[in-house]
C-alpha atoms as a PDB file:
ATOM      1  CA  UNK A   1     -40.381 -17.968  13.706  1.00  0.00           C
ATOM      2  CA  UNK A   2     -41.225 -17.360  17.351  1.00  0.00           C
ATOM      3  CA  UNK A   3     -37.918 -16.968  19.196  1.00  0.00           C
ATOM      4  CA  UNK A   4     -39.051 -17.205  22.829  1.00  0.00           C
ATOM      5  CA  UNK A   5     -39.254 -20.492  24.668  1.00  0.00           C
ATOM      6  CA  UNK A   6     -39.468 -21.858  28.223  1.00  0.00           C
ATOM      7  CA  UNK A   7     -37.111 -24.370  29.821  1.00  0.00           C
ATOM      8  CA  UNK A   8     -38.583 -26.342  32.704  1.00  0.00           C
ATOM      9  CA  UNK A   9     -37.369 -28.944  35.180  1.00  0.00           C
ATOM     10  CA  UNK A  10     -38.940 -31.138  37.827  1.00  0.00           C
ATOM     11  CA  UNK A  11     -37.627 -30.345  41.288  1.00  0.00           C
ATOM     12  CA  UNK A  12     -38.403 -30.142  45.003  1.00  0.00           C
ATOM     13  CA  UNK A  13     -38.215 -33.939  45.035  1.00  0.00           C
ATOM     14  CA  UNK A  14     -36.019 -34.382  48.104  1.00  0.00           C
ATOM     15  CA  UNK A  15     -37.629 -35.831  51.225  1.00  0.00           C
ATOM     16  CA  UNK A  16     -36.480 -35.130  54.783  1.00  0.00           C
ATOM     17  CA  UNK A  17     -32.695 -35.667  54.914  1.00  0.00           C
ATOM     18  CA  UNK A  18     -32.725 -37.572  51.604  1.00  0.00           C
ATOM     19  CA  UNK A  19     -31.599 -35.380  48.722  1.00  0.00           C
ATOM     20  CA  UNK A  20     -32.497 -35.650  45.054  1.00  0.00           C
ATOM     21  CA  UNK A  21     -31.393 -33.293  42.310  1.00  0.00           C
ATOM     22  CA  UNK A  22     -29.344 -30.106  42.232  1.00  0.00           C
ATOM     23  CA  UNK A  23     -32.296 -27.746  42.607  1.00  0.00           C
ATOM     24  CA  UNK A  24     -30.394 -24.589  43.573  1.00  0.00           C
ATOM     25  CA  UNK A  25     -28.090 -24.939  40.564  1.00  0.00           C
ATOM     26  CA  UNK A  26     -30.924 -25.861  38.202  1.00  0.00           C
ATOM     27  CA  UNK A  27     -32.852 -22.767  39.258  1.00  0.00           C
ATOM     28  CA  UNK A  28     -30.006 -20.689  37.827  1.00  0.00           C
ATOM     29  CA  UNK A  29     -30.598 -22.269  34.400  1.00  0.00           C
ATOM     30  CA  UNK A  30     -34.297 -23.049  33.907  1.00  0.00           C
ATOM     31  CA  UNK A  31     -37.174 -20.586  33.577  1.00  0.00           C
ATOM     32  CA  UNK A  32     -39.940 -22.739  35.069  1.00  0.00           C
ATOM     33  CA  UNK A  33     -39.891 -25.131  38.033  1.00  0.00           C
ATOM     34  CA  UNK A  34     -42.315 -28.026  38.417  1.00  0.00           C
ATOM     35  CA  UNK A  35     -42.391 -28.519  42.182  1.00  0.00           C
ATOM     36  CA  UNK A  36     -43.298 -31.884  43.690  1.00  0.00           C
ATOM     37  CA  UNK A  37     -46.272 -31.650  46.035  1.00  0.00           C
ATOM     38  CA  UNK A  38     -45.494 -34.373  48.578  1.00  0.00           C
ATOM     39  CA  UNK A  39     -47.284 -37.371  47.082  1.00  0.00           C
ATOM     40  CA  UNK A  40     -44.720 -38.932  44.727  1.00  0.00           C
ATOM     41  CA  UNK A  41     -41.825 -36.970  46.259  1.00  0.00           C
ATOM     42  CA  UNK A  42     -41.014 -33.860  48.247  1.00  0.00           C
ATOM     43  CA  UNK A  43     -42.257 -32.478  51.532  1.00  0.00           C
ATOM     44  CA  UNK A  44     -43.361 -29.148  52.971  1.00  0.00           C
ATOM     45  CA  UNK A  45     -39.841 -27.989  53.829  1.00  0.00           C
ATOM     46  CA  UNK A  46     -38.413 -28.754  50.383  1.00  0.00           C
ATOM     47  CA  UNK A  47     -41.440 -27.223  48.668  1.00  0.00           C
ATOM     48  CA  UNK A  48     -40.941 -24.050  50.683  1.00  0.00           C
ATOM     49  CA  UNK A  49     -37.210 -23.834  49.998  1.00  0.00           C
ATOM     50  CA  UNK A  50     -37.563 -24.552  46.271  1.00  0.00           C
ATOM     51  CA  UNK A  51     -40.345 -22.025  45.805  1.00  0.00           C
ATOM     52  CA  UNK A  52     -38.537 -19.324  47.777  1.00  0.00           C
ATOM     53  CA  UNK A  53     -35.462 -19.740  45.577  1.00  0.00           C
ATOM     54  CA  UNK A  54     -37.637 -19.749  42.440  1.00  0.00           C
ATOM     55  CA  UNK A  55     -39.247 -16.448  43.474  1.00  0.00           C
ATOM     56  CA  UNK A  56     -35.814 -14.986  44.192  1.00  0.00           C
ATOM     57  CA  UNK A  57     -34.594 -15.904  40.716  1.00  0.00           C
ATOM     58  CA  UNK A  58     -37.767 -15.017  38.799  1.00  0.00           C
ATOM     59  CA  UNK A  59     -38.431 -18.625  37.837  1.00  0.00           C
ATOM     60  CA  UNK A  60     -42.060 -19.562  37.171  1.00  0.00           C
ATOM     61  CA  UNK A  61     -43.593 -21.908  39.745  1.00  0.00           C
ATOM     62  CA  UNK A  62     -45.653 -24.926  38.747  1.00  0.00           C
ATOM     63  CA  UNK A  63     -47.466 -27.594  40.742  1.00  0.00           C
ATOM     64  CA  UNK A  64     -46.260 -31.104  39.882  1.00  0.00           C
ATOM     65  CA  UNK A  65     -48.848 -33.552  41.261  1.00  0.00           C
ATOM     66  CA  UNK A  66     -48.440 -37.301  40.999  1.00  0.00           C
ATOM     67  CA  UNK A  67     -49.716 -40.544  42.453  1.00  0.00           C
ATOM     68  CA  UNK A  68     -49.347 -41.191  46.202  1.00  0.00           C
ATOM     69  CA  UNK A  69     -46.380 -43.476  45.631  1.00  0.00           C
ATOM     70  CA  UNK A  70     -43.229 -42.418  47.463  1.00  0.00           C
ATOM     71  CA  UNK A  71     -41.646 -45.867  47.156  1.00  0.00           C
ATOM     72  CA  UNK A  72     -42.159 -45.939  43.410  1.00  0.00           C
ATOM     73  CA  UNK A  73     -41.464 -42.232  42.878  1.00  0.00           C
ATOM     74  CA  UNK A  74     -44.872 -41.900  41.247  1.00  0.00           C
ATOM     75  CA  UNK A  75     -43.809 -44.041  38.298  1.00  0.00           C
ATOM     76  CA  UNK A  76     -46.109 -46.982  39.043  1.00  0.00           C
ATOM     77  CA  UNK A  77     -49.545 -46.973  37.448  1.00  0.00           C
ATOM     78  CA  UNK A  78     -52.468 -46.779  39.879  1.00  0.00           C
ATOM     79  CA  UNK A  79     -56.108 -47.183  38.895  1.00  0.00           C
ATOM     80  CA  UNK A  80     -58.314 -44.428  40.347  1.00  0.00           C
ATOM     81  CA  UNK A  81     -61.820 -43.201  39.641  1.00  0.00           C
ATOM     82  CA  UNK A  82     -62.282 -39.842  37.953  1.00  0.00           C
ATOM     83  CA  UNK A  83     -63.424 -38.389  41.269  1.00  0.00           C
ATOM     84  CA  UNK A  84     -60.332 -39.741  43.010  1.00  0.00           C
ATOM     85  CA  UNK A  85     -58.098 -38.311  40.278  1.00  0.00           C
ATOM     86  CA  UNK A  86     -59.729 -34.912  40.655  1.00  0.00           C
ATOM     87  CA  UNK A  87     -59.295 -34.948  44.416  1.00  0.00           C
ATOM     88  CA  UNK A  88     -55.680 -36.113  44.075  1.00  0.00           C
ATOM     89  CA  UNK A  89     -54.852 -33.138  41.855  1.00  0.00           C
ATOM     90  CA  UNK A  90     -56.910 -30.634  43.851  1.00  0.00           C
ATOM     91  CA  UNK A  91     -55.213 -31.587  47.128  1.00  0.00           C
ATOM     92  CA  UNK A  92     -51.704 -31.221  45.725  1.00  0.00           C
ATOM     93  CA  UNK A  93     -52.450 -28.036  43.784  1.00  0.00           C
ATOM     94  CA  UNK A  94     -53.895 -26.494  46.938  1.00  0.00           C
ATOM     95  CA  UNK A  95     -50.722 -27.286  48.850  1.00  0.00           C
ATOM     96  CA  UNK A  96     -48.582 -25.802  46.074  1.00  0.00           C
ATOM     97  CA  UNK A  97     -50.678 -22.633  45.926  1.00  0.00           C
ATOM     98  CA  UNK A  98     -50.376 -22.101  49.675  1.00  0.00           C
ATOM     99  CA  UNK A  99     -46.631 -22.700  49.718  1.00  0.00           C
ATOM    100  CA  UNK A 100     -46.094 -20.414  46.728  1.00  0.00           C
ATOM    101  CA  UNK A 101     -48.097 -17.649  48.382  1.00  0.00           C
ATOM    102  CA  UNK A 102     -46.004 -18.015  51.538  1.00  0.00           C
ATOM    103  CA  UNK A 103     -42.876 -17.573  49.388  1.00  0.00           C
ATOM    104  CA  UNK A 104     -44.302 -14.420  47.817  1.00  0.00           C
ATOM    105  CA  UNK A 105     -45.060 -16.077  44.490  1.00  0.00           C
ATOM    106  CA  UNK A 106     -47.917 -17.760  42.651  1.00  0.00           C
ATOM    107  CA  UNK A 107     -48.461 -21.087  40.957  1.00  0.00           C
ATOM    108  CA  UNK A 108     -48.491 -20.305  37.230  1.00  0.00           C
ATOM    109  CA  UNK A 109     -48.787 -23.776  35.743  1.00  0.00           C
ATOM    110  CA  UNK A 110     -49.633 -27.385  36.426  1.00  0.00           C
ATOM    111  CA  UNK A 111     -47.727 -30.375  35.095  1.00  0.00           C
ATOM    112  CA  UNK A 112     -48.732 -33.947  35.870  1.00  0.00           C
ATOM    113  CA  UNK A 113     -45.951 -36.261  37.033  1.00  0.00           C
ATOM    114  CA  UNK A 114     -44.734 -39.688  36.052  1.00  0.00           C
ATOM    115  CA  UNK A 115     -47.245 -42.477  35.597  1.00  0.00           C
ATOM    116  CA  UNK A 116     -50.137 -40.062  36.072  1.00  0.00           C
ATOM    117  CA  UNK A 117     -48.830 -37.908  33.216  1.00  0.00           C
ATOM    118  CA  UNK A 118     -48.250 -40.914  30.968  1.00  0.00           C
ATOM    119  CA  UNK A 119     -51.736 -42.263  31.626  1.00  0.00           C
ATOM    120  CA  UNK A 120     -53.241 -38.836  30.940  1.00  0.00           C
ATOM    121  CA  UNK A 121     -51.286 -38.658  27.678  1.00  0.00           C
ATOM    122  CA  UNK A 122     -53.027 -41.865  26.604  1.00  0.00           C
ATOM    123  CA  UNK A 123     -56.499 -41.220  28.049  1.00  0.00           C
ATOM    124  CA  UNK A 124     -58.714 -38.187  27.458  1.00  0.00           C
ATOM    125  CA  UNK A 125     -60.862 -39.213  30.435  1.00  0.00           C
ATOM    126  CA  UNK A 126     -57.891 -39.111  32.808  1.00  0.00           C
ATOM    127  CA  UNK A 127     -56.650 -35.809  31.395  1.00  0.00           C
ATOM    128  CA  UNK A 128     -60.100 -34.294  31.722  1.00  0.00           C
ATOM    129  CA  UNK A 129     -60.551 -35.448  35.323  1.00  0.00           C
ATOM    130  CA  UNK A 130     -57.201 -33.935  36.327  1.00  0.00           C
ATOM    131  CA  UNK A 131     -57.451 -30.728  34.318  1.00  0.00           C
ATOM    132  CA  UNK A 132     -61.064 -29.903  35.179  1.00  0.00           C
ATOM    133  CA  UNK A 133     -60.278 -30.273  38.877  1.00  0.00           C
ATOM    134  CA  UNK A 134     -57.270 -27.967  38.620  1.00  0.00           C
ATOM    135  CA  UNK A 135     -59.099 -25.331  36.575  1.00  0.00           C
ATOM    136  CA  UNK A 136     -61.967 -25.283  39.046  1.00  0.00           C
ATOM    137  CA  UNK A 137     -59.472 -24.187  41.696  1.00  0.00           C
ATOM    138  CA  UNK A 138     -57.480 -21.806  39.482  1.00  0.00           C
ATOM    139  CA  UNK A 139     -59.145 -20.994  36.123  1.00  0.00           C
ATOM    140  CA  UNK A 140     -56.159 -19.051  34.740  1.00  0.00           C
ATOM    141  CA  UNK A 141     -53.723 -21.907  35.344  1.00  0.00           C
ATOM    142  CA  UNK A 142     -51.481 -22.845  32.414  1.00  0.00           C
ATOM    143  CA  UNK A 143     -51.714 -26.579  31.749  1.00  0.00           C
ATOM    144  CA  UNK A 144     -48.341 -27.964  30.699  1.00  0.00           C
ATOM    145  CA  UNK A 145     -49.256 -30.749  28.293  1.00  0.00           C
ATOM    146  CA  UNK A 146     -47.236 -33.419  26.538  1.00  0.00           C
ATOM    147  CA  UNK A 147     -47.432 -32.206  22.949  1.00  0.00           C
ATOM    148  CA  UNK A 148     -49.642 -34.077  20.468  1.00  0.00           C
ATOM    149  CA  UNK A 149     -51.227 -36.363  23.074  1.00  0.00           C
ATOM    150  CA  UNK A 150     -54.598 -36.586  24.785  1.00  0.00           C
ATOM    151  CA  UNK A 151     -53.351 -34.009  27.283  1.00  0.00           C
ATOM    152  CA  UNK A 152     -53.087 -31.323  24.616  1.00  0.00           C
ATOM    153  CA  UNK A 153     -56.368 -32.287  22.952  1.00  0.00           C
ATOM    154  CA  UNK A 154     -58.266 -32.083  26.243  1.00  0.00           C
ATOM    155  CA  UNK A 155     -56.704 -28.716  27.142  1.00  0.00           C
ATOM    156  CA  UNK A 156     -57.809 -27.393  23.751  1.00  0.00           C
ATOM    157  CA  UNK A 157     -61.331 -28.738  24.216  1.00  0.00           C
ATOM    158  CA  UNK A 158     -61.566 -27.154  27.666  1.00  0.00           C
ATOM    159  CA  UNK A 159     -60.444 -23.831  26.132  1.00  0.00           C
ATOM    160  CA  UNK A 160     -57.781 -23.619  28.826  1.00  0.00           C
ATOM    161  CA  UNK A 161     -54.459 -21.837  28.717  1.00  0.00           C
ATOM    162  CA  UNK A 162     -51.874 -24.465  27.897  1.00  0.00           C
ATOM    163  CA  UNK A 163     -48.255 -24.943  26.898  1.00  0.00           C
ATOM    164  CA  UNK A 164     -47.034 -27.814  24.732  1.00  0.00           C
ATOM    165  CA  UNK A 165     -44.015 -29.598  26.129  1.00  0.00           C
ATOM    166  CA  UNK A 166     -41.243 -31.662  24.595  1.00  0.00           C
ATOM    167  CA  UNK A 167     -38.565 -33.586  26.466  1.00  0.00           C
ATOM    168  CA  UNK A 168     -34.840 -33.075  26.136  1.00  0.00           C
ATOM    169  CA  UNK A 169     -33.940 -36.357  27.804  1.00  0.00           C
ATOM    170  CA  UNK A 170     -36.686 -38.821  26.819  1.00  0.00           C
ATOM    171  CA  UNK A 171     -37.430 -40.760  23.627  1.00  0.00           C
ATOM    172  CA  UNK A 172     -40.831 -40.841  21.936  1.00  0.00           C
ATOM    173  CA  UNK A 173     -43.150 -43.485  20.560  1.00  0.00           C
ATOM    174  CA  UNK A 174     -44.837 -42.847  17.208  1.00  0.00           C
ATOM    175  CA  UNK A 175     -47.957 -41.493  18.979  1.00  0.00           C
ATOM    176  CA  UNK A 176     -45.874 -38.901  20.899  1.00  0.00           C
ATOM    177  CA  UNK A 177     -46.169 -40.738  24.198  1.00  0.00           C
ATOM    178  CA  UNK A 178     -42.883 -41.391  25.975  1.00  0.00           C
ATOM    179  CA  UNK A 179     -40.990 -44.639  25.534  1.00  0.00           C
ATOM    180  CA  UNK A 180     -41.270 -46.646  28.743  1.00  0.00           C
ATOM    181  CA  UNK A 181     -38.171 -46.278  30.903  1.00  0.00           C
ATOM    182  CA  UNK A 182     -37.728 -50.066  30.911  1.00  0.00           C
ATOM    183  CA  UNK A 183     -37.177 -50.088  27.141  1.00  0.00           C
ATOM    184  CA  UNK A 184     -33.826 -49.608  25.365  1.00  0.00           C
ATOM    185  CA  UNK A 185     -33.260 -46.069  24.158  1.00  0.00           C
ATOM    186  CA  UNK A 186     -35.890 -44.540  26.463  1.00  0.00           C
ATOM    187  CA  UNK A 187     -33.430 -42.055  27.940  1.00  0.00           C
ATOM    188  CA  UNK A 188     -31.348 -39.627  25.895  1.00  0.00           C
ATOM    189  CA  UNK A 189     -27.794 -39.797  27.181  1.00  0.00           C
ATOM    190  CA  UNK A 190     -25.200 -37.062  26.873  1.00  0.00           C
ATOM    191  CA  UNK A 191     -25.697 -33.327  27.206  1.00  0.00           C
ATOM    192  CA  UNK A 192     -24.562 -32.546  23.668  1.00  0.00           C
ATOM    193  CA  UNK A 193     -26.874 -35.172  22.170  1.00  0.00           C
ATOM    194  CA  UNK A 194     -29.822 -33.864  24.174  1.00  0.00           C
ATOM    195  CA  UNK A 195     -29.128 -30.253  23.198  1.00  0.00           C
ATOM    196  CA  UNK A 196     -28.728 -31.117  19.515  1.00  0.00           C
ATOM    197  CA  UNK A 197     -31.984 -33.081  19.590  1.00  0.00           C
ATOM    198  CA  UNK A 198     -33.850 -30.154  21.159  1.00  0.00           C
ATOM    199  CA  UNK A 199     -32.593 -27.735  18.520  1.00  0.00           C
ATOM    200  CA  UNK A 200     -33.576 -30.163  15.777  1.00  0.00           C
ATOM    201  CA  UNK A 201     -37.110 -30.508  17.139  1.00  0.00           C
ATOM    202  CA  UNK A 202     -37.813 -26.823  17.711  1.00  0.00           C
ATOM    203  CA  UNK A 203     -36.152 -25.896  14.439  1.00  0.00           C
ATOM    204  CA  UNK A 204     -38.363 -28.361  12.583  1.00  0.00           C
ATOM    205  CA  UNK A 205     -41.469 -27.709  14.675  1.00  0.00           C
ATOM    206  CA  UNK A 206     -41.766 -31.441  15.123  1.00  0.00           C
ATOM    207  CA  UNK A 207     -41.212 -34.369  17.465  1.00  0.00           C
ATOM    208  CA  UNK A 208     -38.930 -37.165  16.258  1.00  0.00           C
ATOM    209  CA  UNK A 209     -39.893 -40.624  17.486  1.00  0.00           C
ATOM    210  CA  UNK A 210     -37.493 -43.440  18.307  1.00  0.00           C
ATOM    211  CA  UNK A 211     -38.438 -45.116  15.025  1.00  0.00           C
ATOM    212  CA  UNK A 212     -37.586 -41.958  13.069  1.00  0.00           C
ATOM    213  CA  UNK A 213     -41.098 -40.698  12.492  1.00  0.00           C
ATOM    214  CA  UNK A 214     -41.488 -36.895  12.323  1.00  0.00           C
ATOM    215  CA  UNK A 215     -44.694 -35.543  13.927  1.00  0.00           C
ATOM    216  CA  UNK A 216     -45.456 -31.813  13.512  1.00  0.00           C
ATOM    217  CA  UNK A 217     -46.006 -30.247  16.933  1.00  0.00           C
ATOM    218  CA  UNK A 218     -46.466 -26.944  18.688  1.00  0.00           C
ATOM    219  CA  UNK A 219     -43.558 -26.475  21.103  1.00  0.00           C
ATOM    220  CA  UNK A 220     -43.746 -23.952  23.966  1.00  0.00           C
ATOM    221  CA  UNK A 221     -41.539 -25.469  26.641  1.00  0.00           C
ATOM    222  CA  UNK A 222     -38.689 -27.951  26.959  1.00  0.00           C
ATOM    223  CA  UNK A 223     -38.434 -30.323  29.914  1.00  0.00           C
ATOM    224  CA  UNK A 224     -35.575 -32.131  31.531  1.00  0.00           C
ATOM    225  CA  UNK A 225     -35.868 -34.380  34.551  1.00  0.00           C
ATOM    226  CA  UNK A 226     -34.228 -32.910  37.629  1.00  0.00           C
ATOM    227  CA  UNK A 227     -33.540 -36.344  39.137  1.00  0.00           C
ATOM    228  CA  UNK A 228     -31.327 -37.538  36.274  1.00  0.00           C
ATOM    229  CA  UNK A 229     -27.563 -37.888  36.793  1.00  0.00           C
ATOM    230  CA  UNK A 230     -26.889 -35.536  33.866  1.00  0.00           C
ATOM    231  CA  UNK A 231     -29.756 -33.123  34.610  1.00  0.00           C
ATOM    232  CA  UNK A 232     -27.650 -30.058  35.365  1.00  0.00           C
ATOM    233  CA  UNK A 233     -25.217 -30.725  32.529  1.00  0.00           C
ATOM    234  CA  UNK A 234     -28.078 -31.204  30.066  1.00  0.00           C
ATOM    235  CA  UNK A 235     -29.856 -28.068  31.301  1.00  0.00           C
ATOM    236  CA  UNK A 236     -26.752 -25.941  30.821  1.00  0.00           C
ATOM    237  CA  UNK A 237     -26.039 -27.413  27.388  1.00  0.00           C
ATOM    238  CA  UNK A 238     -29.609 -26.941  26.178  1.00  0.00           C
ATOM    239  CA  UNK A 239     -29.747 -23.354  27.403  1.00  0.00           C
ATOM    240  CA  UNK A 240     -26.378 -22.490  25.888  1.00  0.00           C
ATOM    241  CA  UNK A 241     -27.300 -23.972  22.520  1.00  0.00           C
ATOM    242  CA  UNK A 242     -30.694 -22.240  22.482  1.00  0.00           C
ATOM    243  CA  UNK A 243     -29.209 -18.840  23.295  1.00  0.00           C
ATOM    244  CA  UNK A 244     -26.456 -19.306  20.729  1.00  0.00           C
ATOM    245  CA  UNK A 245     -29.170 -20.037  18.158  1.00  0.00           C
ATOM    246  CA  UNK A 246     -30.959 -16.772  19.009  1.00  0.00           C
ATOM    247  CA  UNK A 247     -33.674 -18.057  21.327  1.00  0.00           C
ATOM    248  CA  UNK A 248     -34.766 -16.032  24.355  1.00  0.00           C
ATOM    249  CA  UNK A 249     -35.679 -18.095  27.407  1.00  0.00           C
ATOM    250  CA  UNK A 250     -38.602 -16.826  29.490  1.00  0.00           C
ATOM    251  CA  UNK A 251     -41.071 -18.338  31.966  1.00  0.00           C
ATOM    252  CA  UNK A 252     -44.507 -19.336  30.751  1.00  0.00           C
END
């Protein structure tokens, strides 16, 4: 069994004087950071600070583009053309690349955020519009894809570098898309429960849906949401349990 895995978190989501997440503490635990690019959350100052700290700690930097929806935190679905989707991703990736370079680092991966990610998990056309645009800018980019969804299938078809992601703190539907946050059981509560669930999935090489279905899956990286109230506690618990089980945590 492969014994190396990545642990990622969404961060850089504060805006002006408004703070979200414990980024500095999370960067001591995770191995990859998905940094908000200013559309769904974040701003230039928080991008710069998050990326500088990531470089300092050897944490991999990823661009985390989402819909232009600050009020909805990028979690509201917006209908865009394929050209608009491509431009949306290109704009945010470009900003992330510039800010990473300023910090002395480089954007290694791209992970779609929120509603955009969920829509891309369901639609090959949306995934392709986003991924093609990103790869045109940076062909060696690692696409972080929600495992066993349209995102992964499109990345494979494009012959891109990609990493399959599972979630420590979210429940799954039977098709490996995420249970909508408005539904009961959508969020995994409790650090111990989240850590145990992660170990079960990577040990089985499978995703377990809310209904109990087991779906075989490639697993390269584990995500937790940096905005959650238990984010830091879950991150520490997951890392501790992984290391105790003999896993080595490394960036993508």
